[in-house]
PDB file of N, CA and C in Angstrom:
ATOM      1  N   MET A   1      -9.733  -0.707 -29.262  1.00  0.00           N
ATOM      2  CA  MET A   1      -9.883  -0.867 -27.772  1.00  0.00           C
ATOM      3  C   MET A   1     -10.748   0.297 -26.956  1.00  0.00           C
ATOM      4  N   LYS A   2     -10.853   1.503 -27.592  1.00  0.00           N
ATOM      5  CA  LYS A   2     -11.122   2.478 -26.452  1.00  0.00           C
ATOM      6  C   LYS A   2     -12.793   2.422 -27.063  1.00  0.00           C
ATOM      7  N   VAL A   3     -13.003   1.938 -28.651  1.00  0.00           N
ATOM      8  CA  VAL A   3     -14.087   1.907 -28.685  1.00  0.00           C
ATOM      9  C   VAL A   3     -15.186   1.535 -27.674  1.00  0.00           C
ATOM     10  N   HIS A   4     -14.679  -0.033 -27.792  1.00  0.00           N
ATOM     11  CA  HIS A   4     -14.881  -1.120 -26.860  1.00  0.00           C
ATOM     12  C   HIS A   4     -15.113  -0.718 -26.133  1.00  0.00           C
ATOM     13  N   VAL A   5     -14.212   0.142 -25.143  1.00  0.00           N
ATOM     14  CA  VAL A   5     -14.545   0.511 -23.272  1.00  0.00           C
ATOM     15  C   VAL A   5     -15.714   1.596 -23.498  1.00  0.00           C
ATOM     16  N   ALA A   6     -15.610   2.165 -24.608  1.00  0.00           N
ATOM     17  CA  ALA A   6     -16.429   3.466 -24.552  1.00  0.00           C
ATOM     18  C   ALA A   6     -18.060   2.802 -24.426  1.00  0.00           C
ATOM     19  N   SER A   7     -18.106   1.769 -25.593  1.00  0.00           N
ATOM     20  CA  SER A   7     -19.425   1.105 -25.550  1.00  0.00           C
ATOM     21  C   SER A   7     -19.912   0.507 -24.302  1.00  0.00           C
ATOM     22  N   LEU A   8     -18.827  -0.207 -23.346  1.00  0.00           N
ATOM     23  CA  LEU A   8     -19.041  -0.918 -22.335  1.00  0.00           C
ATOM     24  C   LEU A   8     -19.330   0.100 -21.206  1.00  0.00           C
ATOM     25  N   GLU A   9     -18.681   1.381 -20.893  1.00  0.00           N
ATOM     26  CA  GLU A   9     -18.741   1.802 -20.120  1.00  0.00           C
ATOM     27  C   GLU A   9     -19.502   3.096 -19.853  1.00  0.00           C
ATOM     28  N   GLY A  10     -19.530   3.784 -21.297  1.00  0.00           N
ATOM     29  CA  GLY A  10     -19.428   5.265 -21.530  1.00  0.00           C
ATOM     30  C   GLY A  10     -18.885   6.141 -21.656  1.00  0.00           C
ATOM     31  N   ILE A  11     -17.558   5.797 -21.163  1.00  0.00           N
ATOM     32  CA  ILE A  11     -16.776   6.516 -21.021  1.00  0.00           C
ATOM     33  C   ILE A  11     -16.385   7.418 -22.415  1.00  0.00           C
ATOM     34  N   THR A  12     -16.267   8.651 -22.770  1.00  0.00           N
ATOM     35  CA  THR A  12     -15.887   9.030 -24.097  1.00  0.00           C
ATOM     36  C   THR A  12     -14.776   8.532 -24.393  1.00  0.00           C
ATOM     37  N   LEU A  13     -14.057   8.913 -26.170  1.00  0.00           N
ATOM     38  CA  LEU A  13     -12.697   8.643 -26.263  1.00  0.00           C
ATOM     39  C   LEU A  13     -11.840   9.396 -25.700  1.00  0.00           C
ATOM     40  N   GLU A  14     -12.413  10.788 -25.535  1.00  0.00           N
ATOM     41  CA  GLU A  14     -11.388  12.162 -25.182  1.00  0.00           C
ATOM     42  C   GLU A  14     -10.794  11.738 -23.875  1.00  0.00           C
ATOM     43  N   ASP A  15     -11.905  11.276 -23.185  1.00  0.00           N
ATOM     44  CA  ASP A  15     -11.657  10.838 -21.500  1.00  0.00           C
ATOM     45  C   ASP A  15     -10.791   9.661 -21.138  1.00  0.00           C
ATOM     46  N   GLN A  16     -10.683   9.283 -22.314  1.00  0.00           N
ATOM     47  CA  GLN A  16      -9.924   7.519 -21.926  1.00  0.00           C
ATOM     48  C   GLN A  16      -8.349   8.022 -21.974  1.00  0.00           C
ATOM     49  N   ILE A  17      -7.421   7.391 -20.623  1.00  0.00           N
ATOM     50  CA  ILE A  17      -6.413   7.234 -20.709  1.00  0.00           C
ATOM     51  C   ILE A  17      -5.733   5.467 -20.684  1.00  0.00           C
ATOM     52  N   MET A  18      -5.012   4.888 -21.449  1.00  0.00           N
ATOM     53  CA  MET A  18      -4.385   3.390 -21.810  1.00  0.00           C
ATOM     54  C   MET A  18      -3.285   3.486 -21.210  1.00  0.00           C
ATOM     55  N   LEU A  19      -3.483   2.480 -20.192  1.00  0.00           N
ATOM     56  CA  LEU A  19      -1.535   2.571 -19.394  1.00  0.00           C
ATOM     57  C   LEU A  19      -1.347   0.905 -19.820  1.00  0.00           C
ATOM     58  N   LEU A  20      -0.135   0.673 -20.327  1.00  0.00           N
ATOM     59  CA  LEU A  20       0.038  -0.809 -20.524  1.00  0.00           C
ATOM     60  C   LEU A  20       1.393  -1.181 -19.503  1.00  0.00           C
ATOM     61  N   ALA A  21       0.780  -1.706 -18.565  1.00  0.00           N
ATOM     62  CA  ALA A  21       2.011  -2.233 -17.336  1.00  0.00           C
ATOM     63  C   ALA A  21       2.475  -0.809 -16.686  1.00  0.00           C
ATOM     64  N   GLY A  22       2.146   0.311 -16.827  1.00  0.00           N
ATOM     65  CA  GLY A  22       2.555   1.295 -16.092  1.00  0.00           C
ATOM     66  C   GLY A  22       2.851   2.637 -16.775  1.00  0.00           C
ATOM     67  N   PRO A  23       3.466   2.654 -18.048  1.00  0.00           N
ATOM     68  CA  PRO A  23       4.077   3.583 -18.859  1.00  0.00           C
ATOM     69  C   PRO A  23       2.355   3.737 -19.634  1.00  0.00           C
ATOM     70  N   LEU A  24       2.264   5.443 -19.936  1.00  0.00           N
ATOM     71  CA  LEU A  24       1.159   5.492 -20.918  1.00  0.00           C
ATOM     72  C   LEU A  24       1.156   5.105 -22.348  1.00  0.00           C
ATOM     73  N   LEU A  25       0.059   4.988 -23.009  1.00  0.00           N
ATOM     74  CA  LEU A  25       0.204   4.459 -24.248  1.00  0.00           C
ATOM     75  C   LEU A  25      -0.451   5.780 -24.962  1.00  0.00           C
ATOM     76  N   GLU A  26      -0.022   6.198 -26.304  1.00  0.00           N
ATOM     77  CA  GLU A  26      -0.410   7.070 -27.163  1.00  0.00           C
ATOM     78  C   GLU A  26      -1.589   6.551 -27.690  1.00  0.00           C
ATOM     79  N   ASP A  27      -2.557   7.253 -28.226  1.00  0.00           N
ATOM     80  CA  ASP A  27      -3.737   7.330 -29.045  1.00  0.00           C
ATOM     81  C   ASP A  27      -3.280   6.232 -30.027  1.00  0.00           C
ATOM     82  N   GLU A  28      -2.640   6.617 -31.065  1.00  0.00           N
ATOM     83  CA  GLU A  28      -2.466   5.716 -32.168  1.00  0.00           C
ATOM     84  C   GLU A  28      -1.602   4.660 -32.411  1.00  0.00           C
ATOM     85  N   VAL A  29      -1.082   4.682 -31.321  1.00  0.00           N
ATOM     86  CA  VAL A  29       0.019   3.191 -30.959  1.00  0.00           C
ATOM     87  C   VAL A  29      -0.745   1.854 -31.109  1.00  0.00           C
ATOM     88  N   ILE A  30      -0.233   0.958 -31.977  1.00  0.00           N
ATOM     89  CA  ILE A  30      -0.706  -0.135 -32.010  1.00  0.00           C
ATOM     90  C   ILE A  30      -0.295  -1.694 -31.152  1.00  0.00           C
ATOM     91  N   LEU A  31      -1.145  -1.888 -30.323  1.00  0.00           N
ATOM     92  CA  LEU A  31      -0.651  -2.883 -29.106  1.00  0.00           C
ATOM     93  C   LEU A  31       0.316  -3.927 -29.302  1.00  0.00           C
ATOM     94  N   GLY A  32       0.542  -4.432 -30.903  1.00  0.00           N
ATOM     95  CA  GLY A  32       1.155  -5.443 -30.997  1.00  0.00           C
ATOM     96  C   GLY A  32       3.062  -4.781 -31.233  1.00  0.00           C
ATOM     97  N   HIS A  33       2.663  -3.649 -31.398  1.00  0.00           N
ATOM     98  CA  HIS A  33       4.411  -3.033 -31.776  1.00  0.00           C
ATOM     99  C   HIS A  33       4.409  -2.390 -30.399  1.00  0.00           C
ATOM    100  N   CYS A  34       3.827  -2.477 -29.225  1.00  0.00           N
ATOM    101  CA  CYS A  34       4.159  -1.853 -27.829  1.00  0.00           C
ATOM    102  C   CYS A  34       5.083  -3.081 -27.445  1.00  0.00           C
ATOM    103  N   GLY A  35       5.418  -4.325 -27.594  1.00  0.00           N
ATOM    104  CA  GLY A  35       5.636  -5.311 -27.052  1.00  0.00           C
ATOM    105  C   GLY A  35       4.886  -6.026 -26.170  1.00  0.00           C
ATOM    106  N   ILE A  36       3.877  -5.926 -26.279  1.00  0.00           N
ATOM    107  CA  ILE A  36       2.831  -6.636 -25.159  1.00  0.00           C
ATOM    108  C   ILE A  36       3.287  -8.178 -25.385  1.00  0.00           C
ATOM    109  N   GLU A  37       3.564  -8.768 -23.966  1.00  0.00           N
ATOM    110  CA  GLU A  37       3.379 -10.043 -23.483  1.00  0.00           C
ATOM    111  C   GLU A  37       2.091 -10.746 -23.278  1.00  0.00           C
ATOM    112  N   ALA A  38       2.286 -11.927 -22.552  1.00  0.00           N
ATOM    113  CA  ALA A  38       1.012 -12.703 -22.197  1.00  0.00           C
ATOM    114  C   ALA A  38       0.377 -12.170 -21.108  1.00  0.00           C
ATOM    115  N   GLN A  39       1.157 -11.872 -19.953  1.00  0.00           N
ATOM    116  CA  GLN A  39       0.913 -11.315 -18.470  1.00  0.00           C
ATOM    117  C   GLN A  39       0.885 -10.032 -18.327  1.00  0.00           C
ATOM    118  N   ASN A  40       0.986  -9.345 -19.424  1.00  0.00           N
ATOM    119  CA  ASN A  40       0.864  -7.819 -19.147  1.00  0.00           C
ATOM    120  C   ASN A  40      -0.654  -7.300 -18.834  1.00  0.00           C
ATOM    121  N   THR A  41      -0.394  -6.055 -18.253  1.00  0.00           N
ATOM    122  CA  THR A  41      -1.859  -5.767 -17.710  1.00  0.00           C
ATOM    123  C   THR A  41      -2.190  -4.231 -18.584  1.00  0.00           C
ATOM    124  N   LEU A  42      -3.374  -4.106 -18.948  1.00  0.00           N
ATOM    125  CA  LEU A  42      -3.666  -3.191 -19.840  1.00  0.00           C
ATOM    126  C   LEU A  42      -4.840  -2.391 -19.031  1.00  0.00           C
ATOM    127  N   GLU A  43      -4.182  -1.055 -18.630  1.00  0.00           N
ATOM    128  CA  GLU A  43      -5.590  -0.285 -17.718  1.00  0.00           C
ATOM    129  C   GLU A  43      -5.980   0.675 -18.588  1.00  0.00           C
ATOM    130  N   VAL A  44      -7.507   1.130 -18.131  1.00  0.00           N
ATOM    131  CA  VAL A  44      -7.979   2.315 -19.440  1.00  0.00           C
ATOM    132  C   VAL A  44      -8.457   3.165 -17.571  1.00  0.00           C
ATOM    133  N   ALA A  45      -8.111   3.740 -17.711  1.00  0.00           N
ATOM    134  CA  ALA A  45      -8.378   5.107 -16.631  1.00  0.00           C
ATOM    135  C   ALA A  45      -9.398   6.248 -17.106  1.00  0.00           C
ATOM    136  N   GLY A  46     -10.101   6.857 -16.601  1.00  0.00           N
ATOM    137  CA  GLY A  46     -10.937   7.991 -17.221  1.00  0.00           C
ATOM    138  C   GLY A  46     -10.707   9.092 -16.400  1.00  0.00           C
ATOM    139  N   CYS A  47     -10.546  10.414 -17.490  1.00  0.00           N
ATOM    140  CA  CYS A  47     -10.488  11.851 -16.835  1.00  0.00           C
ATOM    141  C   CYS A  47     -11.659  12.055 -15.711  1.00  0.00           C
ATOM    142  N   MET A  48     -11.305  12.786 -14.955  1.00  0.00           N
ATOM    143  CA  MET A  48     -12.051  13.003 -13.868  1.00  0.00           C
ATOM    144  C   MET A  48     -12.017  14.793 -13.644  1.00  0.00           C
ATOM    145  N   LEU A  49     -12.865  15.397 -13.610  1.00  0.00           N
ATOM    146  CA  LEU A  49     -12.779  16.869 -13.266  1.00  0.00           C
ATOM    147  C   LEU A  49     -12.231  16.995 -11.496  1.00  0.00           C
ATOM    148  N   GLY A  50     -11.884  17.782 -11.263  1.00  0.00           N
ATOM    149  CA  GLY A  50     -11.543  17.639  -9.667  1.00  0.00           C
ATOM    150  C   GLY A  50      -9.980  18.598  -9.598  1.00  0.00           C
ATOM    151  N   GLY A  51      -9.364  18.491  -7.978  1.00  0.00           N
ATOM    152  CA  GLY A  51      -8.496  19.314  -7.931  1.00  0.00           C
ATOM    153  C   GLY A  51      -7.146  19.105  -8.472  1.00  0.00           C
ATOM    154  N   LYS A  52      -6.269  19.745  -8.012  1.00  0.00           N
ATOM    155  CA  LYS A  52      -5.003  19.501  -8.435  1.00  0.00           C
ATOM    156  C   LYS A  52      -4.249  18.565  -7.722  1.00  0.00           C
ATOM    157  N   VAL A  53      -3.674  17.318  -8.469  1.00  0.00           N
ATOM    158  CA  VAL A  53      -2.989  16.186  -7.590  1.00  0.00           C
ATOM    159  C   VAL A  53      -1.237  16.393  -8.128  1.00  0.00           C
ATOM    160  N   HIS A  54      -0.786  16.450  -7.169  1.00  0.00           N
ATOM    161  CA  HIS A  54       0.658  16.393  -7.287  1.00  0.00           C
ATOM    162  C   HIS A  54       1.912  15.395  -6.879  1.00  0.00           C
ATOM    163  N   VAL A  55       2.530  14.372  -7.496  1.00  0.00           N
ATOM    164  CA  VAL A  55       3.209  13.316  -7.212  1.00  0.00           C
ATOM    165  C   VAL A  55       4.655  14.100  -6.707  1.00  0.00           C
ATOM    166  N   SER A  56       5.260  14.398  -7.536  1.00  0.00           N
ATOM    167  CA  SER A  56       6.822  14.797  -6.996  1.00  0.00           C
ATOM    168  C   SER A  56       6.927  16.408  -6.707  1.00  0.00           C
ATOM    169  N   LEU A  57       7.923  16.597  -5.991  1.00  0.00           N
ATOM    170  CA  LEU A  57       8.168  17.926  -5.405  1.00  0.00           C
ATOM    171  C   LEU A  57       8.515  18.962  -6.817  1.00  0.00           C
ATOM    172  N   ALA A  58       8.364  18.539  -7.969  1.00  0.00           N
ATOM    173  CA  ALA A  58       8.448  19.378  -9.083  1.00  0.00           C
ATOM    174  C   ALA A  58       6.658  20.354  -9.122  1.00  0.00           C
ATOM    175  N   HIS A  59       6.302  19.066  -9.166  1.00  0.00           N
ATOM    176  CA  HIS A  59       4.784  19.506  -9.598  1.00  0.00           C
ATOM    177  C   HIS A  59       4.026  19.935  -8.412  1.00  0.00           C
ATOM    178  N   ALA A  60       4.622  19.586  -6.962  1.00  0.00           N
ATOM    179  CA  ALA A  60       4.027  20.527  -5.651  1.00  0.00           C
ATOM    180  C   ALA A  60       4.773  21.983  -6.252  1.00  0.00           C
ATOM    181  N   ARG A  61       5.948  21.863  -6.705  1.00  0.00           N
ATOM    182  CA  ARG A  61       6.292  23.986  -6.879  1.00  0.00           C
ATOM    183  C   ARG A  61       5.495  24.423  -7.591  1.00  0.00           C
ATOM    184  N   LYS A  62       5.151  23.517  -8.550  1.00  0.00           N
ATOM    185  CA  LYS A  62       4.140  24.182  -9.674  1.00  0.00           C
ATOM    186  C   LYS A  62       2.947  24.370  -9.387  1.00  0.00           C
ATOM    187  N   VAL A  63       2.462  23.999  -8.309  1.00  0.00           N
ATOM    188  CA  VAL A  63       1.084  23.960  -7.901  1.00  0.00           C
ATOM    189  C   VAL A  63       1.019  25.170  -7.098  1.00  0.00           C
ATOM    190  N   ARG A  64       2.263  25.402  -6.232  1.00  0.00           N
ATOM    191  CA  ARG A  64       2.265  26.121  -5.256  1.00  0.00           C
ATOM    192  C   ARG A  64       2.237  27.522  -5.848  1.00  0.00           C
ATOM    193  N   GLY A  65       3.148  27.959  -7.214  1.00  0.00           N
ATOM    194  CA  GLY A  65       3.115  29.067  -7.743  1.00  0.00           C
ATOM    195  C   GLY A  65       1.825  29.142  -8.458  1.00  0.00           C
ATOM    196  N   GLN A  66       1.000  28.205  -8.684  1.00  0.00           N
ATOM    197  CA  GLN A  66      -0.609  28.919  -9.481  1.00  0.00           C
ATOM    198  C   GLN A  66      -1.027  29.223  -8.153  1.00  0.00           C
ATOM    199  N   THR A  67      -1.439  28.990  -6.987  1.00  0.00           N
ATOM    200  CA  THR A  67      -2.034  29.555  -6.019  1.00  0.00           C
ATOM    201  C   THR A  67      -1.935  31.271  -5.717  1.00  0.00           C
ATOM    202  N   PRO A  68      -2.676  31.521  -5.664  1.00  0.00           N
ATOM    203  CA  PRO A  68      -2.734  33.077  -5.272  1.00  0.00           C
ATOM    204  C   PRO A  68      -2.198  33.539  -4.359  1.00  0.00           C
ATOM    205  N   LYS A  69      -1.465  34.687  -3.990  1.00  0.00           N
ATOM    206  CA  LYS A  69      -0.779  34.779  -2.891  1.00  0.00           C
ATOM    207  C   LYS A  69      -1.547  35.784  -2.304  1.00  0.00           C
ATOM    208  N   VAL A  70      -1.535  35.614  -0.595  1.00  0.00           N
ATOM    209  CA  VAL A  70      -2.268  36.398   0.196  1.00  0.00           C
ATOM    210  C   VAL A  70      -1.395  37.145   1.134  1.00  0.00           C
ATOM    211  N   ALA A  71      -1.929  38.008   1.574  1.00  0.00           N
ATOM    212  CA  ALA A  71      -1.033  39.180   1.974  1.00  0.00           C
ATOM    213  C   ALA A  71      -1.497  38.711   3.375  1.00  0.00           C
ATOM    214  N   LYS A  72      -0.043  38.825   4.474  1.00  0.00           N
ATOM    215  CA  LYS A  72      -0.114  38.535   5.801  1.00  0.00           C
ATOM    216  C   LYS A  72      -0.829  39.602   6.545  1.00  0.00           C
ATOM    217  N   GLN A  73      -2.051  39.086   7.501  1.00  0.00           N
ATOM    218  CA  GLN A  73      -2.649  40.000   8.344  1.00  0.00           C
ATOM    219  C   GLN A  73      -1.481  40.542   9.432  1.00  0.00           C
ATOM    220  N   GLU A  74      -1.938  41.727   9.796  1.00  0.00           N
ATOM    221  CA  GLU A  74      -0.972  42.609  11.047  1.00  0.00           C
ATOM    222  C   GLU A  74      -1.994  41.502  12.237  1.00  0.00           C
ATOM    223  N   LYS A  75      -0.889  41.484  13.083  1.00  0.00           N
ATOM    224  CA  LYS A  75      -1.337  40.338  14.664  1.00  0.00           C
ATOM    225  C   LYS A  75      -1.387  41.764  15.782  1.00  0.00           C
ATOM    226  N   LYS A  76      -2.077  41.083  16.702  1.00  0.00           N
ATOM    227  CA  LYS A  76      -2.157  42.380  17.546  1.00  0.00           C
ATOM    228  C   LYS A  76      -0.831  42.481  18.087  1.00  0.00           C
ATOM    229  N   LYS A  77      -0.551  43.420  19.220  1.00  0.00           N
ATOM    230  CA  LYS A  77       0.517  43.815  19.963  1.00  0.00           C
ATOM    231  C   LYS A  77       0.325  42.887  21.148  1.00  0.00           C
ATOM    232  N   LYS A  78       1.547  42.459  21.841  1.00  0.00           N
ATOM    233  CA  LYS A  78       1.148  41.537  23.006  1.00  0.00           C
ATOM    234  C   LYS A  78       1.724  42.557  24.113  1.00  0.00           C
ATOM    235  N   THR A  79       1.104  42.105  24.760  1.00  0.00           N
ATOM    236  CA  THR A  79       1.282  43.357  26.352  1.00  0.00           C
ATOM    237  C   THR A  79       1.230  42.541  27.532  1.00  0.00           C
ATOM    238  N   GLY A  80       1.689  42.831  28.334  1.00  0.00           N
ATOM    239  CA  GLY A  80       1.879  42.181  29.770  1.00  0.00           C
ATOM    240  C   GLY A  80       3.242  41.202  29.671  1.00  0.00           C
ATOM    241  N   TRP A  81       2.760  39.999  30.096  1.00  0.00           N
ATOM    242  CA  TRP A  81       3.832  38.928  30.658  1.00  0.00           C
ATOM    243  C   TRP A  81       4.271  38.306  29.237  1.00  0.00           C
ATOM    244  N   ALA A  82       3.630  38.563  28.493  1.00  0.00           N
ATOM    245  CA  ALA A  82       4.052  37.786  26.935  1.00  0.00           C
ATOM    246  C   ALA A  82       5.367  38.971  25.978  1.00  0.00           C
ATOM    247  N   LYS A  83       4.644  40.300  26.066  1.00  0.00           N
ATOM    248  CA  LYS A  83       5.820  41.328  25.708  1.00  0.00           C
ATOM    249  C   LYS A  83       6.929  40.976  26.526  1.00  0.00           C
ATOM    250  N   TRP A  84       7.201  40.773  27.832  1.00  0.00           N
ATOM    251  CA  TRP A  84       8.484  40.581  28.315  1.00  0.00           C
ATOM    252  C   TRP A  84       9.103  39.268  28.094  1.00  0.00           C
ATOM    253  N   GLN A  85       8.330  38.282  27.553  1.00  0.00           N
ATOM    254  CA  GLN A  85       9.041  37.081  27.687  1.00  0.00           C
ATOM    255  C   GLN A  85       9.706  36.776  26.373  1.00  0.00           C
ATOM    256  N   MET A  86       9.118  37.459  25.066  1.00  0.00           N
ATOM    257  CA  MET A  86       9.976  37.442  23.994  1.00  0.00           C
ATOM    258  C   MET A  86      11.114  37.756  24.158  1.00  0.00           C
ATOM    259  N   PRO A  87      11.672  38.657  24.509  1.00  0.00           N
ATOM    260  CA  PRO A  87      13.318  38.952  24.402  1.00  0.00           C
ATOM    261  C   PRO A  87      13.864  38.217  25.387  1.00  0.00           C
ATOM    262  N   TYR A  88      13.464  37.642  26.038  1.00  0.00           N
ATOM    263  CA  TYR A  88      14.088  36.932  26.974  1.00  0.00           C
ATOM    264  C   TYR A  88      14.135  35.425  26.121  1.00  0.00           C
ATOM    265  N   ASN A  89      13.346  35.083  25.530  1.00  0.00           N
ATOM    266  CA  ASN A  89      13.151  33.546  24.482  1.00  0.00           C
ATOM    267  C   ASN A  89      14.171  33.690  23.579  1.00  0.00           C
ATOM    268  N   CYS A  90      13.885  34.663  22.621  1.00  0.00           N
ATOM    269  CA  CYS A  90      14.910  35.222  21.749  1.00  0.00           C
ATOM    270  C   CYS A  90      16.533  35.200  22.151  1.00  0.00           C
ATOM    271  N   ARG A  91      16.816  35.458  23.376  1.00  0.00           N
ATOM    272  CA  ARG A  91      18.247  35.534  24.103  1.00  0.00           C
ATOM    273  C   ARG A  91      18.597  34.470  24.371  1.00  0.00           C
ATOM    274  N   PHE A  92      18.050  33.523  25.293  1.00  0.00           N
ATOM    275  CA  PHE A  92      18.613  32.439  26.033  1.00  0.00           C
ATOM    276  C   PHE A  92      18.069  31.268  25.842  1.00  0.00           C
ATOM    277  N   VAL A  93      16.594  30.766  25.663  1.00  0.00           N
ATOM    278  CA  VAL A  93      15.915  29.738  25.655  1.00  0.00           C
ATOM    279  C   VAL A  93      16.643  29.318  24.158  1.00  0.00           C
ATOM    280  N   LYS A  94      15.984  30.344  22.997  1.00  0.00           N
ATOM    281  CA  LYS A  94      16.238  29.509  21.874  1.00  0.00           C
ATOM    282  C   LYS A  94      17.812  29.056  21.341  1.00  0.00           C
ATOM    283  N   VAL A  95      18.636  29.883  22.290  1.00  0.00           N
ATOM    284  CA  VAL A  95      20.290  30.035  21.847  1.00  0.00           C
ATOM    285  C   VAL A  95      21.043  29.111  22.905  1.00  0.00           C
ATOM    286  N   ALA A  96      20.210  28.400  23.926  1.00  0.00           N
ATOM    287  CA  ALA A  96      20.837  27.858  24.945  1.00  0.00           C
ATOM    288  C   ALA A  96      20.993  26.373  24.106  1.00  0.00           C
ATOM    289  N   PRO A  97      22.236  25.833  24.058  1.00  0.00           N
ATOM    290  CA  PRO A  97      22.702  24.505  23.601  1.00  0.00           C
ATOM    291  C   PRO A  97      22.147  23.963  24.190  1.00  0.00           C
ATOM    292  N   THR A  98      21.441  22.489  23.648  1.00  0.00           N
ATOM    293  CA  THR A  98      20.803  21.582  24.190  1.00  0.00           C
ATOM    294  C   THR A  98      21.685  20.351  23.882  1.00  0.00           C
ATOM    295  N   PHE A  99      21.622  19.422  24.751  1.00  0.00           N
ATOM    296  CA  PHE A  99      21.822  17.649  24.451  1.00  0.00           C
ATOM    297  C   PHE A  99      21.303  17.040  24.015  1.00  0.00           C
ATOM    298  N   SER A 100      19.805  17.119  23.197  1.00  0.00           N
ATOM    299  CA  SER A 100      19.067  16.117  22.791  1.00  0.00           C
ATOM    300  C   SER A 100      19.392  16.941  21.451  1.00  0.00           C
ATOM    301  N   LYS A 101      18.236  15.873  20.856  1.00  0.00           N
ATOM    302  CA  LYS A 101      18.319  15.734  19.225  1.00  0.00           C
ATOM    303  C   LYS A 101      17.400  17.200  18.772  1.00  0.00           C
ATOM    304  N   LYS A 102      18.183  17.874  17.634  1.00  0.00           N
ATOM    305  CA  LYS A 102      17.283  18.956  17.310  1.00  0.00           C
ATOM    306  C   LYS A 102      15.886  18.714  17.162  1.00  0.00           C
ATOM    307  N   LYS A 103      14.959  19.010  16.848  1.00  0.00           N
ATOM    308  CA  LYS A 103      13.519  19.076  16.591  1.00  0.00           C
ATOM    309  C   LYS A 103      12.958  20.306  15.935  1.00  0.00           C
ATOM    310  N   GLY A 104      12.111  19.772  15.201  1.00  0.00           N
ATOM    311  CA  GLY A 104      11.510  20.731  14.047  1.00  0.00           C
ATOM    312  C   GLY A 104      10.586  21.849  14.647  1.00  0.00           C
ATOM    313  N   PRO A 105      10.010  22.883  14.158  1.00  0.00           N
ATOM    314  CA  PRO A 105       8.871  23.679  14.852  1.00  0.00           C
ATOM    315  C   PRO A 105       7.967  23.385  15.169  1.00  0.00           C
ATOM    316  N   SER A 106       7.643  22.086  14.530  1.00  0.00           N
ATOM    317  CA  SER A 106       5.942  21.585  14.440  1.00  0.00           C
ATOM    318  C   SER A 106       6.306  20.075  15.293  1.00  0.00           C
ATOM    319  N   ALA A 107       7.079  19.780  15.901  1.00  0.00           N
ATOM    320  CA  ALA A 107       7.485  18.343  16.547  1.00  0.00           C
ATOM    321  C   ALA A 107       6.093  18.171  17.401  1.00  0.00           C
ATOM    322  N   ASN A 108       6.058  17.338  17.941  1.00  0.00           N
ATOM    323  CA  ASN A 108       5.108  17.149  19.203  1.00  0.00           C
ATOM    324  C   ASN A 108       6.024  16.947  20.637  1.00  0.00           C
ATOM    325  N   SER A 109       6.887  16.237  20.247  1.00  0.00           N
ATOM    326  CA  SER A 109       7.842  16.037  21.761  1.00  0.00           C
ATOM    327  C   SER A 109       8.999  16.466  21.595  1.00  0.00           C
TER     328      SER A 109
END
């Protein structure tokens, strides 16, 4: 099957991935032994060069672990009004109980 696709589309045998109704098929598997039926879909996908793609959180953690760590940059010291506002916000505004639903740090409303 892969040879036929290679002759039609020009995709090399190593770059082809075959899927039968979702799951990946191994290279040496005979289609008759896979339980193929009348209305099953046989997909052929080509491997492409590109960035990392992750579908689940486990893969996301793996990708995060592979990225290089960048040191944090030092921030300039706040002056004037912003300097005095910081302790007030830490003590009263952030700690004061609110009656609304808690929102995350990046919530818009």
